[in-house]
Amino acid sequence: MPSVYWHDVVSGPNPTAVQVARAATTNSSASFFGAVVVIDDPLTAGPDLKKSAPVGRAQGTYISAGKDKVALLMNMNFVFQSGRYNGSTVAIMGRNEVFSAVREMAVVGGTGVFRWARGYAQARTHTLDMNTGDATVEYNLYIKH
């Protein structure tokens, strides 16, 4: 499967990722430990959110679970909405240490074309705006189904 680009927009008037809970110490933590974020992020064929063809949505949550490093527990479904995978989903779960060059998470299931899916996803940050928190991440999926 070719790569897809995940766009996490936390800034502006129409965010696709919103914090829904936090610990009393989250704001004073260097790693945002305890923050819970719900996402409905766009997935595109290329890295430019405005110019690339949309392929679906990443829906789920991520939790800041690293006390000393920015490490997220990702729990999301890639919901494909176009092309040959239209109507199919891939379930991804795992640790995402944000500032590592490559992160690997488990593909734990899927639906449609990806029924019985197993494998892994590799994430590589394409862009991260440290002022807004907005990020574009390239995901490569390696799936047996």
N, C-alpha and C. Protein backbone atom coordinates (compact mmCIF):
# COMPACT_ATOMS: atom_id res chain seq x y z
N MET A 1 0.85 -1.17 0.00
CA MET A 1 0.00 0.00 0.00
C MET A 1 0.89 1.24 0.00
N PRO A 2 0.57 2.24 -0.81
CA PRO A 2 1.35 3.48 -0.79
C PRO A 2 1.17 4.23 0.52
N SER A 3 2.00 5.20 0.71
CA SER A 3 1.91 5.99 1.94
C SER A 3 0.69 6.90 1.90
N VAL A 4 0.23 7.27 3.10
CA VAL A 4 -0.81 8.28 3.25
C VAL A 4 -0.27 9.34 4.21
N TYR A 5 -0.83 10.52 4.11
CA TYR A 5 -0.40 11.62 4.98
C TYR A 5 -1.53 11.97 5.93
N TRP A 6 -1.19 12.01 7.21
CA TRP A 6 -2.11 12.25 8.32
C TRP A 6 -1.91 13.69 8.74
N HIS A 7 -2.97 14.46 8.78
CA HIS A 7 -2.88 15.90 9.08
C HIS A 7 -3.59 16.17 10.41
N ASP A 8 -2.82 16.44 11.44
CA ASP A 8 -3.34 16.71 12.78
C ASP A 8 -3.40 18.22 12.96
N VAL A 9 -4.60 18.78 12.91
CA VAL A 9 -4.78 20.23 12.99
C VAL A 9 -5.37 20.55 14.36
N VAL A 10 -4.55 21.16 15.22
CA VAL A 10 -5.01 21.52 16.56
C VAL A 10 -5.29 23.01 16.70
N SER A 11 -4.90 23.79 15.69
CA SER A 11 -5.06 25.24 15.76
C SER A 11 -6.19 25.72 14.85
N GLY A 12 -6.49 27.00 14.97
CA GLY A 12 -7.45 27.63 14.08
C GLY A 12 -8.90 27.39 14.46
N PRO A 13 -9.80 27.87 13.61
CA PRO A 13 -11.23 27.81 13.92
C PRO A 13 -11.86 26.43 13.70
N ASN A 14 -11.17 25.54 12.99
CA ASN A 14 -11.76 24.24 12.65
C ASN A 14 -10.76 23.11 12.92
N PRO A 15 -10.38 22.89 14.18
CA PRO A 15 -9.38 21.85 14.47
C PRO A 15 -9.94 20.46 14.18
N THR A 16 -9.03 19.54 13.85
CA THR A 16 -9.42 18.14 13.64
C THR A 16 -8.98 17.27 14.81
N ALA A 17 -8.31 17.88 15.77
CA ALA A 17 -7.87 17.18 16.98
C ALA A 17 -8.17 18.10 18.17
N VAL A 18 -8.91 17.58 19.15
CA VAL A 18 -9.26 18.40 20.31
C VAL A 18 -8.97 17.66 21.60
N GLN A 19 -8.39 18.38 22.54
CA GLN A 19 -8.13 17.80 23.86
C GLN A 19 -9.45 17.72 24.63
N VAL A 20 -9.76 16.53 25.15
CA VAL A 20 -11.01 16.34 25.86
C VAL A 20 -10.80 16.09 27.35
N ALA A 21 -9.56 15.80 27.76
CA ALA A 21 -9.27 15.59 29.18
C ALA A 21 -7.78 15.83 29.42
N ARG A 22 -7.45 16.11 30.68
CA ARG A 22 -6.04 16.26 31.06
C ARG A 22 -5.94 16.08 32.56
N ALA A 23 -4.72 15.76 33.00
CA ALA A 23 -4.44 15.64 34.42
C ALA A 23 -4.18 17.03 35.00
N ALA A 24 -4.22 17.13 36.28
CA ALA A 24 -3.96 18.42 36.94
C ALA A 24 -2.57 18.94 36.61
N THR A 25 -1.63 18.05 36.31
CA THR A 25 -0.25 18.45 36.04
C THR A 25 0.11 18.50 34.55
N THR A 26 -0.86 18.25 33.66
CA THR A 26 -0.56 18.19 32.23
C THR A 26 0.08 19.48 31.72
N ASN A 27 -0.49 20.62 32.04
CA ASN A 27 0.02 21.89 31.51
C ASN A 27 1.42 22.22 31.99
N SER A 28 1.82 21.73 33.15
CA SER A 28 3.17 22.00 33.65
C SER A 28 4.17 20.92 33.25
N SER A 29 3.71 19.88 32.56
CA SER A 29 4.57 18.77 32.14
C SER A 29 5.21 19.07 30.80
N ALA A 30 6.51 18.80 30.67
CA ALA A 30 7.21 19.02 29.40
C ALA A 30 6.71 18.07 28.32
N SER A 31 6.11 16.95 28.70
CA SER A 31 5.64 15.96 27.73
C SER A 31 4.11 15.96 27.57
N PHE A 32 3.42 16.91 28.22
CA PHE A 32 1.95 16.99 28.20
C PHE A 32 1.32 15.73 28.77
N PHE A 33 2.03 15.08 29.68
CA PHE A 33 1.60 13.82 30.29
C PHE A 33 0.17 13.93 30.82
N GLY A 34 -0.67 13.00 30.39
CA GLY A 34 -2.06 12.95 30.86
C GLY A 34 -3.07 13.57 29.93
N ALA A 35 -2.65 14.18 28.84
CA ALA A 35 -3.60 14.78 27.90
C ALA A 35 -4.26 13.68 27.06
N VAL A 36 -5.56 13.83 26.86
CA VAL A 36 -6.33 12.90 26.02
C VAL A 36 -6.92 13.72 24.87
N VAL A 37 -6.64 13.30 23.64
CA VAL A 37 -7.05 14.03 22.45
C VAL A 37 -7.89 13.13 21.56
N VAL A 38 -9.02 13.63 21.09
CA VAL A 38 -9.87 12.93 20.13
C VAL A 38 -9.59 13.52 18.75
N ILE A 39 -9.45 12.62 17.75
CA ILE A 39 -9.10 13.08 16.40
C ILE A 39 -10.12 12.63 15.35
N ASP A 40 -10.25 13.46 14.35
CA ASP A 40 -10.91 13.13 13.09
C ASP A 40 -10.08 13.84 12.02
N ASP A 41 -8.86 13.31 11.83
CA ASP A 41 -7.86 13.96 10.98
C ASP A 41 -7.98 13.54 9.52
N PRO A 42 -7.78 14.47 8.60
CA PRO A 42 -7.78 14.11 7.18
C PRO A 42 -6.57 13.25 6.83
N LEU A 43 -6.79 12.31 5.91
CA LEU A 43 -5.73 11.53 5.29
C LEU A 43 -5.69 11.91 3.82
N THR A 44 -4.50 12.18 3.30
CA THR A 44 -4.37 12.57 1.90
C THR A 44 -3.29 11.73 1.22
N ALA A 45 -3.31 11.76 -0.13
CA ALA A 45 -2.33 11.02 -0.91
C ALA A 45 -0.95 11.68 -0.89
N GLY A 46 -0.89 12.98 -0.64
CA GLY A 46 0.37 13.71 -0.61
C GLY A 46 0.46 14.58 0.62
N PRO A 47 1.60 15.23 0.82
CA PRO A 47 1.82 15.98 2.05
C PRO A 47 1.11 17.33 2.17
N ASP A 48 0.62 17.88 1.06
CA ASP A 48 -0.03 19.20 1.09
C ASP A 48 -1.53 19.02 1.33
N LEU A 49 -2.01 19.44 2.49
CA LEU A 49 -3.41 19.25 2.87
C LEU A 49 -4.37 19.89 1.87
N LYS A 50 -4.02 21.07 1.36
CA LYS A 50 -4.92 21.79 0.47
C LYS A 50 -4.87 21.30 -0.98
N LYS A 51 -3.73 20.76 -1.42
CA LYS A 51 -3.57 20.38 -2.83
C LYS A 51 -3.60 18.88 -3.08
N SER A 52 -3.44 18.07 -2.05
CA SER A 52 -3.37 16.61 -2.24
C SER A 52 -4.77 16.00 -2.22
N ALA A 53 -4.91 14.90 -2.96
CA ALA A 53 -6.20 14.21 -3.03
C ALA A 53 -6.56 13.60 -1.68
N PRO A 54 -7.78 13.85 -1.18
CA PRO A 54 -8.19 13.22 0.08
C PRO A 54 -8.42 11.72 -0.14
N VAL A 55 -8.00 10.90 0.84
CA VAL A 55 -8.23 9.46 0.74
C VAL A 55 -9.07 8.94 1.89
N GLY A 56 -9.21 9.72 2.97
CA GLY A 56 -10.01 9.26 4.10
C GLY A 56 -9.79 10.09 5.35
N ARG A 57 -10.09 9.46 6.49
CA ARG A 57 -9.98 10.13 7.79
C ARG A 57 -9.28 9.18 8.77
N ALA A 58 -8.57 9.77 9.72
CA ALA A 58 -8.04 9.01 10.85
C ALA A 58 -8.89 9.40 12.05
N GLN A 59 -9.64 8.44 12.58
CA GLN A 59 -10.56 8.73 13.68
C GLN A 59 -10.17 7.90 14.89
N GLY A 60 -10.10 8.54 16.05
CA GLY A 60 -9.75 7.83 17.27
C GLY A 60 -9.26 8.77 18.35
N THR A 61 -8.26 8.29 19.09
CA THR A 61 -7.71 9.07 20.19
C THR A 61 -6.20 8.92 20.23
N TYR A 62 -5.55 9.91 20.84
CA TYR A 62 -4.18 9.69 21.29
C TYR A 62 -4.05 10.29 22.68
N ILE A 63 -3.24 9.62 23.47
CA ILE A 63 -3.06 9.98 24.87
C ILE A 63 -1.59 10.21 25.12
N SER A 64 -1.25 11.31 25.77
CA SER A 64 0.14 11.55 26.12
C SER A 64 0.50 10.67 27.31
N ALA A 65 1.16 9.55 27.02
CA ALA A 65 1.43 8.53 28.03
C ALA A 65 2.88 8.50 28.48
N GLY A 66 3.72 9.34 27.91
CA GLY A 66 5.13 9.39 28.31
C GLY A 66 5.35 10.47 29.35
N LYS A 67 5.84 10.08 30.49
CA LYS A 67 6.06 11.07 31.55
C LYS A 67 7.31 11.93 31.29
N ASP A 68 8.34 11.30 30.72
CA ASP A 68 9.61 12.01 30.50
C ASP A 68 9.86 12.39 29.05
N LYS A 69 9.14 11.77 28.10
CA LYS A 69 9.28 12.05 26.68
C LYS A 69 7.88 12.23 26.09
N VAL A 70 7.79 12.96 24.98
CA VAL A 70 6.51 13.06 24.30
C VAL A 70 6.29 11.73 23.57
N ALA A 71 5.54 10.86 24.22
CA ALA A 71 5.22 9.54 23.67
C ALA A 71 3.72 9.35 23.80
N LEU A 72 3.08 9.14 22.66
CA LEU A 72 1.63 9.03 22.62
C LEU A 72 1.21 7.57 22.51
N LEU A 73 0.10 7.24 23.13
CA LEU A 73 -0.58 5.98 22.88
C LEU A 73 -1.61 6.29 21.80
N MET A 74 -1.40 5.75 20.60
CA MET A 74 -2.29 5.99 19.47
C MET A 74 -3.31 4.87 19.40
N ASN A 75 -4.57 5.23 19.19
CA ASN A 75 -5.65 4.27 19.02
C ASN A 75 -6.57 4.87 17.96
N MET A 76 -6.40 4.43 16.70
CA MET A 76 -7.15 5.09 15.63
C MET A 76 -7.49 4.13 14.51
N ASN A 77 -8.51 4.51 13.79
CA ASN A 77 -8.91 3.81 12.57
C ASN A 77 -8.64 4.71 11.38
N PHE A 78 -7.95 4.18 10.38
CA PHE A 78 -7.86 4.86 9.10
C PHE A 78 -9.10 4.44 8.33
N VAL A 79 -9.98 5.39 8.05
CA VAL A 79 -11.24 5.14 7.36
C VAL A 79 -11.07 5.64 5.92
N PHE A 80 -10.97 4.70 4.98
CA PHE A 80 -10.73 5.08 3.59
C PHE A 80 -12.05 5.44 2.92
N GLN A 81 -12.03 6.57 2.18
CA GLN A 81 -13.25 7.11 1.61
C GLN A 81 -13.16 7.35 0.11
N SER A 82 -12.12 6.78 -0.52
CA SER A 82 -11.99 6.92 -1.97
C SER A 82 -11.07 5.82 -2.50
N GLY A 83 -11.07 5.68 -3.80
CA GLY A 83 -10.18 4.73 -4.45
C GLY A 83 -10.52 3.28 -4.17
N ARG A 84 -9.56 2.41 -4.38
CA ARG A 84 -9.81 0.97 -4.26
C ARG A 84 -10.08 0.51 -2.84
N TYR A 85 -9.73 1.32 -1.83
CA TYR A 85 -9.96 0.95 -0.44
C TYR A 85 -11.21 1.61 0.15
N ASN A 86 -11.99 2.31 -0.69
CA ASN A 86 -13.18 3.02 -0.23
C ASN A 86 -14.09 2.11 0.60
N GLY A 87 -14.45 2.57 1.79
CA GLY A 87 -15.33 1.80 2.67
C GLY A 87 -14.60 0.85 3.60
N SER A 88 -13.30 0.71 3.45
CA SER A 88 -12.51 -0.18 4.30
C SER A 88 -11.81 0.63 5.40
N THR A 89 -11.46 -0.07 6.48
CA THR A 89 -10.74 0.59 7.58
C THR A 89 -9.54 -0.25 7.99
N VAL A 90 -8.58 0.42 8.61
CA VAL A 90 -7.42 -0.22 9.22
C VAL A 90 -7.32 0.30 10.64
N ALA A 91 -7.25 -0.63 11.62
CA ALA A 91 -7.14 -0.25 13.03
C ALA A 91 -5.66 -0.26 13.44
N ILE A 92 -5.20 0.86 13.99
CA ILE A 92 -3.80 1.03 14.38
C ILE A 92 -3.74 1.35 15.86
N MET A 93 -2.82 0.70 16.55
CA MET A 93 -2.65 0.96 17.99
C MET A 93 -1.18 0.81 18.34
N GLY A 94 -0.68 1.70 19.19
CA GLY A 94 0.70 1.56 19.64
C GLY A 94 1.30 2.84 20.14
N ARG A 95 2.58 2.73 20.47
CA ARG A 95 3.34 3.85 21.03
C ARG A 95 3.93 4.69 19.90
N ASN A 96 3.83 5.99 20.05
CA ASN A 96 4.34 6.94 19.06
C ASN A 96 5.21 7.95 19.80
N GLU A 97 6.52 7.70 19.81
CA GLU A 97 7.45 8.65 20.43
C GLU A 97 7.71 9.75 19.39
N VAL A 98 7.00 10.85 19.54
CA VAL A 98 6.85 11.88 18.52
C VAL A 98 8.15 12.39 17.91
N PHE A 99 9.20 12.55 18.70
CA PHE A 99 10.43 13.14 18.17
C PHE A 99 11.43 12.11 17.66
N SER A 100 11.05 10.84 17.58
CA SER A 100 11.89 9.83 16.94
C SER A 100 11.68 9.92 15.43
N ALA A 101 12.71 9.62 14.66
CA ALA A 101 12.62 9.74 13.21
C ALA A 101 11.55 8.81 12.63
N VAL A 102 11.52 7.56 13.08
CA VAL A 102 10.56 6.58 12.60
C VAL A 102 9.92 5.92 13.80
N ARG A 103 8.59 5.86 13.77
CA ARG A 103 7.85 5.18 14.85
C ARG A 103 7.06 4.03 14.25
N GLU A 104 6.98 2.93 14.98
CA GLU A 104 6.26 1.77 14.49
C GLU A 104 5.11 1.44 15.43
N MET A 105 3.93 1.24 14.84
CA MET A 105 2.74 0.88 15.60
C MET A 105 2.10 -0.35 14.97
N ALA A 106 1.34 -1.08 15.75
CA ALA A 106 0.72 -2.31 15.26
C ALA A 106 -0.56 -2.04 14.48
N VAL A 107 -0.73 -2.77 13.40
CA VAL A 107 -2.02 -2.86 12.73
C VAL A 107 -2.71 -4.05 13.38
N VAL A 108 -3.82 -3.79 14.06
CA VAL A 108 -4.47 -4.82 14.87
C VAL A 108 -5.77 -5.35 14.27
N GLY A 109 -6.14 -4.84 13.12
CA GLY A 109 -7.35 -5.33 12.47
C GLY A 109 -7.78 -4.41 11.35
N GLY A 110 -8.94 -4.73 10.80
CA GLY A 110 -9.48 -3.93 9.72
C GLY A 110 -10.83 -4.45 9.29
N THR A 111 -11.43 -3.72 8.35
CA THR A 111 -12.71 -4.13 7.79
C THR A 111 -12.65 -3.99 6.28
N GLY A 112 -13.66 -4.54 5.61
CA GLY A 112 -13.71 -4.44 4.15
C GLY A 112 -12.53 -5.17 3.53
N VAL A 113 -11.83 -4.51 2.63
CA VAL A 113 -10.65 -5.09 1.99
C VAL A 113 -9.63 -5.54 3.03
N PHE A 114 -9.60 -4.89 4.17
CA PHE A 114 -8.59 -5.18 5.21
C PHE A 114 -9.11 -6.09 6.32
N ARG A 115 -10.19 -6.83 6.07
CA ARG A 115 -10.68 -7.78 7.08
C ARG A 115 -9.55 -8.75 7.42
N TRP A 116 -9.39 -9.05 8.70
CA TRP A 116 -8.34 -9.92 9.24
C TRP A 116 -6.94 -9.31 9.13
N ALA A 117 -6.85 -8.01 8.95
CA ALA A 117 -5.55 -7.36 8.77
C ALA A 117 -4.66 -7.51 10.00
N ARG A 118 -3.39 -7.73 9.74
CA ARG A 118 -2.33 -7.72 10.74
C ARG A 118 -1.11 -7.11 10.07
N GLY A 119 -0.30 -6.44 10.85
CA GLY A 119 0.90 -5.84 10.28
C GLY A 119 1.38 -4.70 11.14
N TYR A 120 1.96 -3.72 10.48
CA TYR A 120 2.48 -2.57 11.22
C TYR A 120 2.41 -1.31 10.36
N ALA A 121 2.44 -0.18 11.04
CA ALA A 121 2.46 1.12 10.40
C ALA A 121 3.74 1.82 10.83
N GLN A 122 4.41 2.44 9.89
CA GLN A 122 5.57 3.27 10.22
C GLN A 122 5.20 4.73 9.99
N ALA A 123 5.47 5.55 10.99
CA ALA A 123 5.16 6.98 10.92
C ALA A 123 6.46 7.78 10.88
N ARG A 124 6.47 8.78 10.00
CA ARG A 124 7.61 9.70 9.88
C ARG A 124 7.03 11.12 9.81
N THR A 125 7.47 11.99 10.69
CA THR A 125 6.98 13.36 10.68
C THR A 125 7.44 14.06 9.42
N HIS A 126 6.50 14.63 8.69
CA HIS A 126 6.82 15.41 7.51
C HIS A 126 7.01 16.87 7.90
N THR A 127 6.04 17.42 8.63
CA THR A 127 6.16 18.78 9.15
C THR A 127 5.53 18.84 10.54
N LEU A 128 6.10 19.67 11.38
CA LEU A 128 5.56 19.93 12.71
C LEU A 128 5.77 21.41 12.99
N ASP A 129 4.68 22.14 13.16
CA ASP A 129 4.75 23.57 13.48
C ASP A 129 4.77 23.69 15.00
N MET A 130 5.91 24.04 15.55
CA MET A 130 6.06 24.12 17.00
C MET A 130 5.25 25.27 17.60
N ASN A 131 4.85 26.25 16.80
CA ASN A 131 4.02 27.35 17.31
C ASN A 131 2.56 26.95 17.44
N THR A 132 2.04 26.24 16.44
CA THR A 132 0.61 25.89 16.45
C THR A 132 0.35 24.48 16.98
N GLY A 133 1.34 23.59 16.85
CA GLY A 133 1.15 22.19 17.19
C GLY A 133 0.62 21.36 16.04
N ASP A 134 0.32 21.99 14.90
CA ASP A 134 -0.17 21.26 13.73
C ASP A 134 0.94 20.38 13.17
N ALA A 135 0.57 19.18 12.72
CA ALA A 135 1.56 18.24 12.21
C ALA A 135 1.04 17.51 10.98
N THR A 136 1.96 17.17 10.09
CA THR A 136 1.69 16.29 8.97
C THR A 136 2.66 15.12 9.10
N VAL A 137 2.10 13.91 9.11
CA VAL A 137 2.91 12.72 9.33
C VAL A 137 2.66 11.74 8.18
N GLU A 138 3.73 11.22 7.62
CA GLU A 138 3.62 10.20 6.58
C GLU A 138 3.49 8.83 7.26
N TYR A 139 2.47 8.09 6.88
CA TYR A 139 2.26 6.72 7.38
C TYR A 139 2.43 5.73 6.24
N ASN A 140 3.29 4.76 6.43
CA ASN A 140 3.42 3.64 5.51
C ASN A 140 2.86 2.42 6.21
N LEU A 141 1.93 1.75 5.55
CA LEU A 141 1.26 0.58 6.15
C LEU A 141 1.76 -0.69 5.48
N TYR A 142 2.13 -1.67 6.32
CA TYR A 142 2.58 -2.97 5.86
C TYR A 142 1.60 -3.99 6.44
N ILE A 143 0.74 -4.51 5.57
CA ILE A 143 -0.43 -5.27 6.04
C ILE A 143 -0.54 -6.62 5.34
N LYS A 144 -0.85 -7.65 6.14
CA LYS A 144 -1.29 -8.95 5.62
C LYS A 144 -2.77 -9.04 5.92
N HIS A 145 -3.54 -9.43 4.92
CA HIS A 145 -5.00 -9.56 5.13
C HIS A 145 -5.57 -10.62 4.22
